[in-house]
C-alpha atoms as a PDB file:
ATOM      1  CA  MET A   1      57.794 -16.163 -28.498  1.00  0.00           C
ATOM      2  CA  LYS A   2      60.644 -13.920 -28.727  1.00  0.00           C
ATOM      3  CA  LYS A   3      58.285 -11.044 -28.023  1.00  0.00           C
ATOM      4  CA  ASN A   4      56.810 -12.672 -24.765  1.00  0.00           C
ATOM      5  CA  LEU A   5      60.195 -13.421 -23.246  1.00  0.00           C
ATOM      6  CA  LYS A   6      61.427  -9.960 -23.933  1.00  0.00           C
ATOM      7  CA  TRP A   7      58.434  -8.314 -21.906  1.00  0.00           C
ATOM      8  CA  LEU A   8      58.107 -11.348 -19.423  1.00  0.00           C
ATOM      9  CA  ALA A   9      62.221  -9.735 -18.816  1.00  0.00           C
ATOM     10  CA  VAL A  10      61.517  -6.235 -18.556  1.00  0.00           C
ATOM     11  CA  LEU A  11      58.449  -6.960 -16.330  1.00  0.00           C
ATOM     12  CA  LEU A  12      60.730  -8.830 -13.831  1.00  0.00           C
ATOM     13  CA  CYS A  13      63.021  -5.893 -13.889  1.00  0.00           C
ATOM     14  CA  LEU A  14      60.218  -3.632 -13.156  1.00  0.00           C
ATOM     15  CA  VAL A  15      59.075  -5.597 -10.188  1.00  0.00           C
ATOM     16  CA  ILE A  16      63.006  -6.012  -8.937  1.00  0.00           C
ATOM     17  CA  PHE A  17      63.046  -2.197  -9.372  1.00  0.00           C
ATOM     18  CA  ALA A  18      59.870  -1.597  -7.198  1.00  0.00           C
ATOM     19  CA  ALA A  19      60.935  -3.845  -4.598  1.00  0.00           C
ATOM     20  CA  MET A  20      64.402  -1.836  -4.447  1.00  0.00           C
ATOM     21  CA  ALA A  21      62.555   1.491  -4.224  1.00  0.00           C
ATOM     22  CA  MET A  22      60.131   0.442  -1.795  1.00  0.00           C
ATOM     23  CA  GLY A  23      62.796  -1.102   0.450  1.00  0.00           C
ATOM     24  CA  SER A  24      65.396   1.007  -0.055  1.00  0.00           C
ATOM     25  CA  GLY A  25      66.179   3.069   3.342  1.00  0.00           C
ATOM     26  CA  SER A  26      64.041   0.321   5.206  1.00  0.00           C
ATOM     27  CA  SER A  27      66.619  -0.909   7.375  1.00  0.00           C
ATOM     28  CA  ALA A  28      67.044   0.117  10.553  1.00  0.00           C
ATOM     29  CA  PRO A  29      70.314   2.059  11.529  1.00  0.00           C
ATOM     30  CA  GLU A  30      71.856  -0.818  13.869  1.00  0.00           C
ATOM     31  CA  GLU A  31      71.621  -3.246  10.734  1.00  0.00           C
ATOM     32  CA  VAL A  32      73.760  -0.774   8.713  1.00  0.00           C
ATOM     33  CA  LYS A  33      77.470  -0.956   9.380  1.00  0.00           C
ATOM     34  CA  ASP A  34      80.312   1.339   8.616  1.00  0.00           C
ATOM     35  CA  ILE A  35      82.873  -0.087   6.481  1.00  0.00           C
ATOM     36  CA  VAL A  36      86.485   0.253   8.541  1.00  0.00           C
ATOM     37  CA  ALA A  37      89.686  -1.214   8.232  1.00  0.00           C
ATOM     38  CA  ALA A  38      90.531  -4.652   9.703  1.00  0.00           C
ATOM     39  CA  THR A  39      92.325  -3.171  13.219  1.00  0.00           C
ATOM     40  CA  GLU A  40      89.441  -0.144  13.865  1.00  0.00           C
ATOM     41  CA  ASP A  41      88.010  -1.258  16.614  1.00  0.00           C
ATOM     42  CA  ALA A  42      88.080   1.782  18.342  1.00  0.00           C
ATOM     43  CA  VAL A  43      86.711   3.663  15.277  1.00  0.00           C
ATOM     44  CA  SER A  44      83.882   1.496  15.074  1.00  0.00           C
ATOM     45  CA  ASP A  45      82.470   1.396  18.660  1.00  0.00           C
ATOM     46  CA  ALA A  46      82.384   5.042  18.243  1.00  0.00           C
ATOM     47  CA  VAL A  47      80.355   4.821  14.689  1.00  0.00           C
ATOM     48  CA  ASN A  48      77.842   2.449  16.500  1.00  0.00           C
ATOM     49  CA  GLU A  49      77.595   5.157  19.391  1.00  0.00           C
ATOM     50  CA  ALA A  50      76.753   7.705  16.934  1.00  0.00           C
ATOM     51  CA  VAL A  51      74.375   5.503  15.074  1.00  0.00           C
ATOM     52  CA  SER A  52      72.536   4.543  17.993  1.00  0.00           C
ATOM     53  CA  GLU A  53      71.914   8.110  18.895  1.00  0.00           C
ATOM     54  CA  ALA A  54      70.762   9.058  15.459  1.00  0.00           C
ATOM     55  CA  GLY A  55      68.788   6.250  15.451  1.00  0.00           C
ATOM     56  CA  SER A  56      66.880   7.555  18.447  1.00  0.00           C
ATOM     57  CA  GLU A  57      66.778  11.370  17.507  1.00  0.00           C
ATOM     58  CA  GLY A  58      66.370  10.575  13.649  1.00  0.00           C
ATOM     59  CA  ALA A  59      62.875   8.796  13.910  1.00  0.00           C
ATOM     60  CA  GLY A  60      60.566  11.619  14.018  1.00  0.00           C
ATOM     61  CA  GLU A  61      62.229  13.887  11.824  1.00  0.00           C
ATOM     62  CA  GLU A  62      62.305  11.270   8.963  1.00  0.00           C
ATOM     63  CA  THR A  63      58.836  12.312   8.185  1.00  0.00           C
ATOM     64  CA  SER A  64      59.168  15.912   7.570  1.00  0.00           C
ATOM     65  CA  ALA A  65      62.703  15.283   5.802  1.00  0.00           C
ATOM     66  CA  SER A  66      60.840  12.991   3.053  1.00  0.00           C
ATOM     67  CA  LYS A  67      57.940  15.534   3.048  1.00  0.00           C
ATOM     68  CA  ALA A  68      60.482  18.379   1.858  1.00  0.00           C
ATOM     69  CA  GLN A  69      61.864  16.009  -0.752  1.00  0.00           C
ATOM     70  CA  GLU A  70      58.603  15.608  -2.309  1.00  0.00           C
ATOM     71  CA  GLU A  71      57.847  19.105  -2.230  1.00  0.00           C
ATOM     72  CA  ALA A  72      61.740  20.200  -3.768  1.00  0.00           C
ATOM     73  CA  ALA A  73      60.709  17.328  -6.488  1.00  0.00           C
ATOM     74  CA  ALA A  74      57.431  18.766  -7.167  1.00  0.00           C
ATOM     75  CA  SER A  75      59.027  22.188  -7.975  1.00  0.00           C
ATOM     76  CA  VAL A  76      61.312  20.492 -10.363  1.00  0.00           C
ATOM     77  CA  THR A  77      60.338  21.456 -13.923  1.00  0.00           C
ATOM     78  CA  ILE A  78      62.209  21.121 -17.648  1.00  0.00           C
ATOM     79  CA  GLU A  79      61.262  22.669 -20.814  1.00  0.00           C
ATOM     80  CA  GLU A  80      59.699  20.433 -23.130  1.00  0.00           C
ATOM     81  CA  GLN A  81      62.068  19.561 -26.103  1.00  0.00           C
ATOM     82  CA  VAL A  82      63.345  17.074 -28.641  1.00  0.00           C
ATOM     83  CA  LEU A  83      65.725  14.604 -27.558  1.00  0.00           C
ATOM     84  CA  VAL A  84      66.165  12.609 -30.117  1.00  0.00           C
ATOM     85  CA  ASP A  85      64.942  12.695 -34.056  1.00  0.00           C
ATOM     86  CA  ARG A  86      66.979   9.954 -35.868  1.00  0.00           C
ATOM     87  CA  ASP A  87      66.020   7.311 -38.470  1.00  0.00           C
ATOM     88  CA  GLY A  88      62.203   8.367 -38.553  1.00  0.00           C
ATOM     89  CA  ILE A  89      62.577   7.792 -34.351  1.00  0.00           C
ATOM     90  CA  VAL A  90      61.423  10.898 -32.087  1.00  0.00           C
ATOM     91  CA  VAL A  91      61.589  11.519 -28.833  1.00  0.00           C
ATOM     92  CA  THR A  92      60.418  14.723 -26.902  1.00  0.00           C
ATOM     93  CA  ALA A  93      60.846  15.243 -23.162  1.00  0.00           C
ATOM     94  CA  LYS A  94      57.087  16.444 -22.196  1.00  0.00           C
ATOM     95  CA  GLU A  95      57.679  17.416 -18.566  1.00  0.00           C
ATOM     96  CA  TYR A  96      59.151  16.323 -15.347  1.00  0.00           C
ATOM     97  CA  VAL A  97      56.785  14.379 -13.086  1.00  0.00           C
ATOM     98  CA  THR A  98      56.592  12.808  -9.628  1.00  0.00           C
ATOM     99  CA  ASP A  99      55.208   9.557  -8.511  1.00  0.00           C
ATOM    100  CA  SER A 100      54.284   8.504  -5.071  1.00  0.00           C
ATOM    101  CA  ILE A 101      55.570   4.848  -5.979  1.00  0.00           C
ATOM    102  CA  TRP A 102      58.426   5.207  -8.958  1.00  0.00           C
ATOM    103  CA  GLY A 103      59.482   8.659  -7.802  1.00  0.00           C
ATOM    104  CA  ASP A 104      60.831  11.238 -10.134  1.00  0.00           C
ATOM    105  CA  GLY A 105      61.032  10.893 -13.778  1.00  0.00           C
ATOM    106  CA  ILE A 106      60.942  12.595 -17.402  1.00  0.00           C
ATOM    107  CA  LYS A 107      57.837  12.030 -19.733  1.00  0.00           C
ATOM    108  CA  LEU A 108      58.088  10.805 -22.660  1.00  0.00           C
ATOM    109  CA  LEU A 109      56.448  11.150 -26.224  1.00  0.00           C
ATOM    110  CA  ILE A 110      57.677   8.548 -28.680  1.00  0.00           C
ATOM    111  CA  GLU A 111      56.954   8.645 -32.390  1.00  0.00           C
ATOM    112  CA  ASN A 112      57.621   6.032 -34.620  1.00  0.00           C
ATOM    113  CA  ASN A 113      57.547   7.182 -38.356  1.00  0.00           C
ATOM    114  CA  SER A 114      59.700   4.306 -39.684  1.00  0.00           C
ATOM    115  CA  GLU A 115      58.500   1.256 -41.475  1.00  0.00           C
ATOM    116  CA  LYS A 116      59.833  -1.119 -38.530  1.00  0.00           C
ATOM    117  CA  THR A 117      58.509  -1.868 -35.318  1.00  0.00           C
ATOM    118  CA  ALA A 118      61.034  -0.160 -33.035  1.00  0.00           C
ATOM    119  CA  MET A 119      62.242  -0.352 -29.240  1.00  0.00           C
ATOM    120  CA  VAL A 120      63.587   2.432 -27.666  1.00  0.00           C
ATOM    121  CA  SER A 121      65.627   2.348 -24.496  1.00  0.00           C
ATOM    122  CA  CYS A 122      68.522   3.792 -22.965  1.00  0.00           C
ATOM    123  CA  ASP A 123      72.858   2.720 -22.814  1.00  0.00           C
ATOM    124  CA  ALA A 124      73.095   4.926 -19.949  1.00  0.00           C
ATOM    125  CA  LEU A 125      71.424   7.353 -17.474  1.00  0.00           C
ATOM    126  CA  ILE A 126      73.079  10.281 -15.676  1.00  0.00           C
ATOM    127  CA  VAL A 127      71.827  12.331 -12.793  1.00  0.00           C
ATOM    128  CA  ASN A 128      74.128  15.361 -11.478  1.00  0.00           C
ATOM    129  CA  ASN A 129      77.177  13.489 -13.011  1.00  0.00           C
ATOM    130  CA  PHE A 130      75.899  10.204 -11.210  1.00  0.00           C
ATOM    131  CA  MET A 131      75.212   7.024 -13.319  1.00  0.00           C
ATOM    132  CA  ILE A 132      72.062   5.894 -12.310  1.00  0.00           C
ATOM    133  CA  THR A 133      70.499   2.566 -13.347  1.00  0.00           C
ATOM    134  CA  ASP A 134      67.316   2.942 -15.903  1.00  0.00           C
ATOM    135  CA  LEU A 135      64.652   0.332 -16.431  1.00  0.00           C
ATOM    136  CA  PHE A 136      63.190   2.411 -19.481  1.00  0.00           C
ATOM    137  CA  VAL A 137      62.143   0.911 -22.501  1.00  0.00           C
ATOM    138  CA  SER A 138      59.598   0.785 -25.006  1.00  0.00           C
ATOM    139  CA  GLU A 139      57.959  -0.653 -27.936  1.00  0.00           C
ATOM    140  CA  VAL A 140      56.134   1.741 -31.006  1.00  0.00           C
ATOM    141  CA  ALA A 141      55.035   0.336 -33.888  1.00  0.00           C
ATOM    142  CA  PRO A 142      55.425   1.926 -37.668  1.00  0.00           C
ATOM    143  CA  GLY A 143      52.934   4.999 -37.561  1.00  0.00           C
ATOM    144  CA  LYS A 144      52.159   5.084 -33.649  1.00  0.00           C
ATOM    145  CA  LYS A 145      52.827   7.006 -30.509  1.00  0.00           C
ATOM    146  CA  ALA A 146      53.671   6.112 -26.992  1.00  0.00           C
ATOM    147  CA  ASN A 147      53.573   8.231 -23.961  1.00  0.00           C
ATOM    148  CA  GLU A 148      56.131   6.676 -21.367  1.00  0.00           C
ATOM    149  CA  THR A 149      57.934   7.961 -18.151  1.00  0.00           C
ATOM    150  CA  MET A 150      61.606   7.520 -18.019  1.00  0.00           C
ATOM    151  CA  TYR A 151      61.723   7.142 -14.154  1.00  0.00           C
ATOM    152  CA  LEU A 152      65.075   7.997 -12.024  1.00  0.00           C
ATOM    153  CA  SER A 153      65.782   5.507  -8.997  1.00  0.00           C
ATOM    154  CA  THR A 154      64.584   6.898  -5.849  1.00  0.00           C
ATOM    155  CA  SER A 155      67.032   4.478  -3.711  1.00  0.00           C
ATOM    156  CA  GLU A 156      69.965   5.663  -6.072  1.00  0.00           C
ATOM    157  CA  LEU A 157      69.263   9.328  -5.957  1.00  0.00           C
ATOM    158  CA  LYS A 158      69.070   8.999  -2.276  1.00  0.00           C
ATOM    159  CA  ALA A 159      72.392   7.162  -2.036  1.00  0.00           C
ATOM    160  CA  ALA A 160      74.269   9.542  -4.010  1.00  0.00           C
ATOM    161  CA  GLY A 161      72.712  12.094  -2.174  1.00  0.00           C
ATOM    162  CA  ILE A 162      70.858  13.891  -4.670  1.00  0.00           C
ATOM    163  CA  GLU A 163      68.188  15.725  -3.704  1.00  0.00           C
ATOM    164  CA  LYS A 164      68.081  18.575  -6.224  1.00  0.00           C
ATOM    165  CA  VAL A 165      68.161  16.921  -9.869  1.00  0.00           C
ATOM    166  CA  GLY A 166      69.633  19.732 -12.124  1.00  0.00           C
ATOM    167  CA  GLN A 167      70.991  17.526 -14.824  1.00  0.00           C
ATOM    168  CA  ILE A 168      69.976  14.417 -16.884  1.00  0.00           C
ATOM    169  CA  GLU A 169      71.923  12.851 -19.538  1.00  0.00           C
ATOM    170  CA  VAL A 170      70.615   9.710 -21.629  1.00  0.00           C
ATOM    171  CA  TYR A 171      72.182   7.559 -24.108  1.00  0.00           C
ATOM    172  CA  PHE A 172      69.383   6.534 -26.174  1.00  0.00           C
ATOM    173  CA  ARG A 173      69.442   3.416 -28.462  1.00  0.00           C
ATOM    174  CA  ALA A 174      66.644   1.956 -30.395  1.00  0.00           C
ATOM    175  CA  SER A 175      66.818  -1.578 -32.201  1.00  0.00           C
ATOM    176  CA  ASP A 176      64.088  -3.371 -34.894  1.00  0.00           C
ATOM    177  CA  THR A 177      62.121  -5.557 -32.384  1.00  0.00           C
ATOM    178  CA  GLU A 178      61.941  -8.575 -34.883  1.00  0.00           C
ATOM    179  CA  THR A 179      65.420  -8.736 -36.337  1.00  0.00           C
ATOM    180  CA  TYR A 180      66.835  -7.235 -33.033  1.00  0.00           C
ATOM    181  CA  ASP A 181      69.386  -5.225 -35.351  1.00  0.00           C
ATOM    182  CA  THR A 182      70.786  -1.412 -34.139  1.00  0.00           C
ATOM    183  CA  ILE A 183      68.777   1.496 -35.698  1.00  0.00           C
ATOM    184  CA  PHE A 184      71.118   3.514 -33.681  1.00  0.00           C
ATOM    185  CA  ASP A 185      72.843   3.400 -30.483  1.00  0.00           C
ATOM    186  CA  GLY A 186      74.766   6.050 -27.930  1.00  0.00           C
ATOM    187  CA  GLU A 187      72.696   8.851 -29.294  1.00  0.00           C
ATOM    188  CA  TYR A 188      73.422  11.233 -26.128  1.00  0.00           C
ATOM    189  CA  VAL A 189      71.518  14.379 -24.927  1.00  0.00           C
ATOM    190  CA  THR A 190      71.471  16.341 -22.059  1.00  0.00           C
ATOM    191  CA  MET A 191      68.409  18.084 -20.349  1.00  0.00           C
ATOM    192  CA  GLN A 192      68.791  20.755 -17.702  1.00  0.00           C
ATOM    193  CA  THR A 193      66.339  21.333 -14.895  1.00  0.00           C
ATOM    194  CA  SER A 194      65.020  24.421 -12.938  1.00  0.00           C
ATOM    195  CA  GLU A 195      67.128  23.498 -10.514  1.00  0.00           C
ATOM    196  CA  PHE A 196      70.198  23.335 -12.533  1.00  0.00           C
ATOM    197  CA  ALA A 197      72.102  26.220 -10.688  1.00  0.00           C
ATOM    198  CA  ASN A 198      71.297  24.549  -7.359  1.00  0.00           C
ATOM    199  CA  MET A 199      71.703  21.002  -8.309  1.00  0.00           C
ATOM    200  CA  ASP A 200      73.692  18.643  -5.780  1.00  0.00           C
ATOM    201  CA  THR A 201      77.173  17.927  -6.988  1.00  0.00           C
ATOM    202  CA  ALA A 202      79.384  16.825  -3.996  1.00  0.00           C
ATOM    203  CA  PRO A 203      80.744  13.438  -4.141  1.00  0.00           C
ATOM    204  CA  ALA A 204      79.354  10.871  -1.897  1.00  0.00           C
ATOM    205  CA  ASP A 205      82.589   9.475  -1.314  1.00  0.00           C
ATOM    206  CA  THR A 206      82.566   9.438   2.941  1.00  0.00           C
ATOM    207  CA  GLY A 207      84.057   6.091   3.965  1.00  0.00           C
ATOM    208  CA  MET A 208      86.998   4.017   3.606  1.00  0.00           C
ATOM    209  CA  GLU A 209      89.249   4.184   0.419  1.00  0.00           C
ATOM    210  CA  LEU A 210      89.796   0.875  -1.168  1.00  0.00           C
ATOM    211  CA  TYR A 211      91.391   1.527  -4.439  1.00  0.00           C
ATOM    212  CA  ASN A 212      92.914   4.482  -6.073  1.00  0.00           C
ATOM    213  CA  GLU A 213      94.867   4.107  -9.459  1.00  0.00           C
ATOM    214  CA  GLY A 214      94.766   4.818 -12.925  1.00  0.00           C
ATOM    215  CA  GLY A 215      92.062   7.494 -12.246  1.00  0.00           C
ATOM    216  CA  ILE A 216      89.755   4.556 -10.784  1.00  0.00           C
ATOM    217  CA  ARG A 217      88.954   5.325  -6.981  1.00  0.00           C
ATOM    218  CA  ILE A 218      86.639   2.738  -5.054  1.00  0.00           C
ATOM    219  CA  VAL A 219      85.577   3.708  -1.303  1.00  0.00           C
ATOM    220  CA  GLY A 220      83.745   1.318   1.060  1.00  0.00           C
ATOM    221  CA  LYS A 221      81.012   3.363   2.509  1.00  0.00           C
ATOM    222  CA  THR A 222      78.769   0.625   4.632  1.00  0.00           C
ATOM    223  CA  VAL A 223      77.539  -2.833   4.979  1.00  0.00           C
ATOM    224  CA  ASP A 224      73.772  -3.530   4.939  1.00  0.00           C
ATOM    225  CA  GLU A 225      72.979  -7.101   6.448  1.00  0.00           C
ATOM    226  CA  ASN A 226      69.040  -6.403   5.896  1.00  0.00           C
ATOM    227  CA  SER A 227      69.228  -5.662   2.365  1.00  0.00           C
ATOM    228  CA  PHE A 228      66.610  -6.589  -0.295  1.00  0.00           C
ATOM    229  CA  TRP A 229      68.253  -9.902  -1.556  1.00  0.00           C
ATOM    230  CA  GLY A 230      70.994 -10.483   1.718  1.00  0.00           C
ATOM    231  CA  THR A 231      73.270  -8.092   2.425  1.00  0.00           C
ATOM    232  CA  ALA A 232      74.506  -5.045   0.273  1.00  0.00           C
ATOM    233  CA  ILE A 233      78.377  -3.757   0.276  1.00  0.00           C
ATOM    234  CA  VAL A 234      77.643  -0.164  -1.220  1.00  0.00           C
ATOM    235  CA  LEU A 235      80.491   1.618  -2.784  1.00  0.00           C
ATOM    236  CA  TYR A 236      81.079   4.772  -4.369  1.00  0.00           C
ATOM    237  CA  SER A 237      83.047   4.447  -7.512  1.00  0.00           C
ATOM    238  CA  GLU A 238      84.697   7.593  -9.303  1.00  0.00           C
ATOM    239  CA  ASN A 239      86.520   7.885 -12.791  1.00  0.00           C
ATOM    240  CA  THR A 240      88.415  10.241 -14.047  1.00  0.00           C
ATOM    241  CA  SER A 241      90.811   7.659 -16.466  1.00  0.00           C
ATOM    242  CA  GLY A 242      89.574   9.266 -19.325  1.00  0.00           C
ATOM    243  CA  LYS A 243      87.671   5.729 -20.395  1.00  0.00           C
ATOM    244  CA  ASN A 244      84.215   4.545 -19.515  1.00  0.00           C
ATOM    245  CA  VAL A 245      85.261   1.507 -17.282  1.00  0.00           C
ATOM    246  CA  THR A 246      83.213  -1.719 -15.741  1.00  0.00           C
ATOM    247  CA  ILE A 247      84.372  -2.580 -12.533  1.00  0.00           C
ATOM    248  CA  SER A 248      83.489  -6.175 -11.123  1.00  0.00           C
ATOM    249  CA  VAL A 249      84.956  -8.294  -8.081  1.00  0.00           C
ATOM    250  CA  ASP A 250      86.653 -11.618  -7.583  1.00  0.00           C
ATOM    251  CA  GLU A 251      88.065 -14.057  -5.582  1.00  0.00           C
ATOM    252  CA  MET A 252      85.757 -12.646  -2.674  1.00  0.00           C
ATOM    253  CA  SER A 253      85.475 -13.804   0.618  1.00  0.00           C
ATOM    254  CA  ILE A 254      83.339 -13.278   3.995  1.00  0.00           C
ATOM    255  CA  ASN A 255      84.725 -14.219   7.072  1.00  0.00           C
ATOM    256  CA  GLY A 256      87.234 -16.796   5.429  1.00  0.00           C
ATOM    257  CA  PHE A 257      84.453 -18.324   3.422  1.00  0.00           C
ATOM    258  CA  MET A 258      84.453 -17.639  -0.660  1.00  0.00           C
ATOM    259  CA  MET A 259      81.112 -16.153  -2.093  1.00  0.00           C
ATOM    260  CA  SER A 260      79.529 -15.645  -5.494  1.00  0.00           C
ATOM    261  CA  PRO A 261      78.761 -11.971  -5.068  1.00  0.00           C
ATOM    262  CA  PHE A 262      76.489  -9.953  -7.566  1.00  0.00           C
ATOM    263  CA  PHE A 263      78.209  -6.955  -8.948  1.00  0.00           C
ATOM    264  CA  SER A 264      79.147  -5.129 -12.017  1.00  0.00           C
ATOM    265  CA  THR A 265      78.943  -1.315 -12.454  1.00  0.00           C
ATOM    266  CA  THR A 266      79.711   0.923 -15.611  1.00  0.00           C
ATOM    267  CA  VAL A 267      81.113   4.339 -14.851  1.00  0.00           C
ATOM    268  CA  TYR A 268      81.644   6.841 -17.682  1.00  0.00           C
ATOM    269  CA  ASN A 269      84.435   8.787 -17.755  1.00  0.00           C
ATOM    270  CA  GLU A 270      84.382  11.866 -15.406  1.00  0.00           C
ATOM    271  CA  LYS A 271      81.351  10.235 -13.870  1.00  0.00           C
ATOM    272  CA  MET A 272      80.296   8.666 -10.353  1.00  0.00           C
ATOM    273  CA  SER A 273      78.439   6.449  -8.889  1.00  0.00           C
ATOM    274  CA  ILE A 274      77.027   4.329  -5.840  1.00  0.00           C
ATOM    275  CA  ASP A 275      76.265   0.630  -6.398  1.00  0.00           C
ATOM    276  CA  ASP A 276      76.308  -2.810  -4.160  1.00  0.00           C
ATOM    277  CA  ILE A 277      77.645  -5.631  -3.823  1.00  0.00           C
ATOM    278  CA  THR A 278      74.889  -8.007  -3.528  1.00  0.00           C
ATOM    279  CA  ILE A 279      75.825 -11.490  -1.302  1.00  0.00           C
ATOM    280  CA  PHE A 280      72.791 -13.442  -1.377  1.00  0.00           C
ATOM    281  CA  SER A 281      71.121 -15.014   1.901  1.00  0.00           C
ATOM    282  CA  SER A 282      71.483 -18.682   0.734  1.00  0.00           C
ATOM    283  CA  ASP A 283      75.293 -17.943   0.377  1.00  0.00           C
ATOM    284  CA  LEU A 284      75.908 -16.917   3.954  1.00  0.00           C
ATOM    285  CA  GLU A 285      73.255 -19.480   5.392  1.00  0.00           C
ATOM    286  CA  GLU A 286      75.577 -22.454   3.651  1.00  0.00           C
ATOM    287  CA  ASN A 287      78.087 -20.892   5.421  1.00  0.00           C
ATOM    288  CA  GLY A 288      76.901 -20.057   8.607  1.00  0.00           C
ATOM    289  CA  ILE A 289      77.675 -16.410   8.521  1.00  0.00           C
ATOM    290  CA  GLU A 290      75.299 -14.261  10.728  1.00  0.00           C
ATOM    291  CA  SER A 291      77.630 -11.588  10.640  1.00  0.00           C
ATOM    292  CA  ILE A 292      79.382  -9.690   8.547  1.00  0.00           C
ATOM    293  CA  GLU A 293      83.239  -9.474  10.188  1.00  0.00           C
ATOM    294  CA  GLU A 294      86.147  -9.394   7.607  1.00  0.00           C
ATOM    295  CA  VAL A 295      85.552  -9.391   3.731  1.00  0.00           C
ATOM    296  CA  GLU A 296      88.486 -10.131   1.013  1.00  0.00           C
ATOM    297  CA  LEU A 297      88.031  -9.405  -2.652  1.00  0.00           C
ATOM    298  CA  LYS A 298      89.699  -8.138  -5.592  1.00  0.00           C
ATOM    299  CA  PHE A 299      88.469  -5.584  -8.405  1.00  0.00           C
ATOM    300  CA  ASN A 300      88.307  -6.113 -11.912  1.00  0.00           C
ATOM    301  CA  ILE A 301      88.412  -2.907 -13.954  1.00  0.00           C
ATOM    302  CA  TYR A 302      87.823  -3.060 -17.714  1.00  0.00           C
ATOM    303  CA  ASP A 303      87.244  -0.883 -20.532  1.00  0.00           C
ATOM    304  CA  ALA A 304      83.564  -0.634 -21.087  1.00  0.00           C
ATOM    305  CA  ASP A 305      83.738  -0.309 -24.683  1.00  0.00           C
ATOM    306  CA  THR A 306      86.455  -2.469 -25.918  1.00  0.00           C
ATOM    307  CA  PHE A 307      86.347  -5.064 -22.983  1.00  0.00           C
ATOM    308  CA  ASP A 308      90.517  -4.867 -22.508  1.00  0.00           C
ATOM    309  CA  THR A 309      91.453  -5.166 -19.371  1.00  0.00           C
ATOM    310  CA  LEU A 310      92.929  -2.294 -17.432  1.00  0.00           C
ATOM    311  CA  ALA A 311      93.669  -3.270 -13.978  1.00  0.00           C
ATOM    312  CA  ASN A 312      93.294  -6.004 -11.611  1.00  0.00           C
ATOM    313  CA  SER A 313      93.945  -4.957  -7.721  1.00  0.00           C
ATOM    314  CA  ASP A 314      95.680  -7.221  -5.378  1.00  0.00           C
ATOM    315  CA  ALA A 315      93.779  -8.710  -2.464  1.00  0.00           C
ATOM    316  CA  ILE A 316      91.966  -5.719  -0.324  1.00  0.00           C
ATOM    317  CA  THR A 317      90.577  -6.574   3.149  1.00  0.00           C
ATOM    318  CA  PHE A 318      88.540  -4.534   5.305  1.00  0.00           C
ATOM    319  CA  SER A 319      85.835  -5.016   7.903  1.00  0.00           C
ATOM    320  CA  ALA A 320      82.126  -3.768   8.958  1.00  0.00           C
ATOM    321  CA  LYS A 321      81.614  -2.535  12.105  1.00  0.00           C
END
């Protein structure tokens, strides 16, 4: 029963991941708004005009841009290398692959030379210094092998402005599937691709700065009112605090109505992330909200390793225009 529930959870995650990958970037330009200060009406008019022009001019360019990205990804390679060899578990990176649905990934060979059935997964996946969501997991019986692919979220690479993947950092973990005891965790490895010298490293930090204290910087980028789950508020986070941190939100309201947002992002030290605050359609409908006009929230920041609170921000207010 435990195994069935575990694989059901993994399958659900994969379905959500696929929906996000296929739905990313599908919103029409007019459905995505910039985050601005509550009084920046003039700026919002200019933004709307620019977005409108981009929507009319960019439609014909999208196909060629996507084709160029696919060709660029197809040219990326890595050297075959052993990433992990510990406690009877060997993980070997075989090649860099590109799938028309799942996107880019690393093909892995996993060998279990131990006497326990092992579940191999990731604690963290980092591409070009951006935290990327991973859904990689592989169960391997004693004395057996498995070919798996660790996919890099297409939508998150796009959001981070990454077209050329140059460096991939992974923190591997392995656990006993029967007892759930940890075999090892935090096994850090780094891979450099053939595009390492040309990789995209610029921070995707355009937008309105919402918070900047103690080495944690958070920028509000856009509000997508037609995301997969309802409405997504896109944030850029940057961590130079010296600690791995997790950021969440609290006391969030939209147009004066309290919301129950879904948001938690972990950003390792000296790394960046692009993540969404998700507001479910049901919350908006229950409060009669058809358009996001004003958002107020507080950020909670705590140590990702010790769970100690590092900071609680004051209330922050912004608009979507």
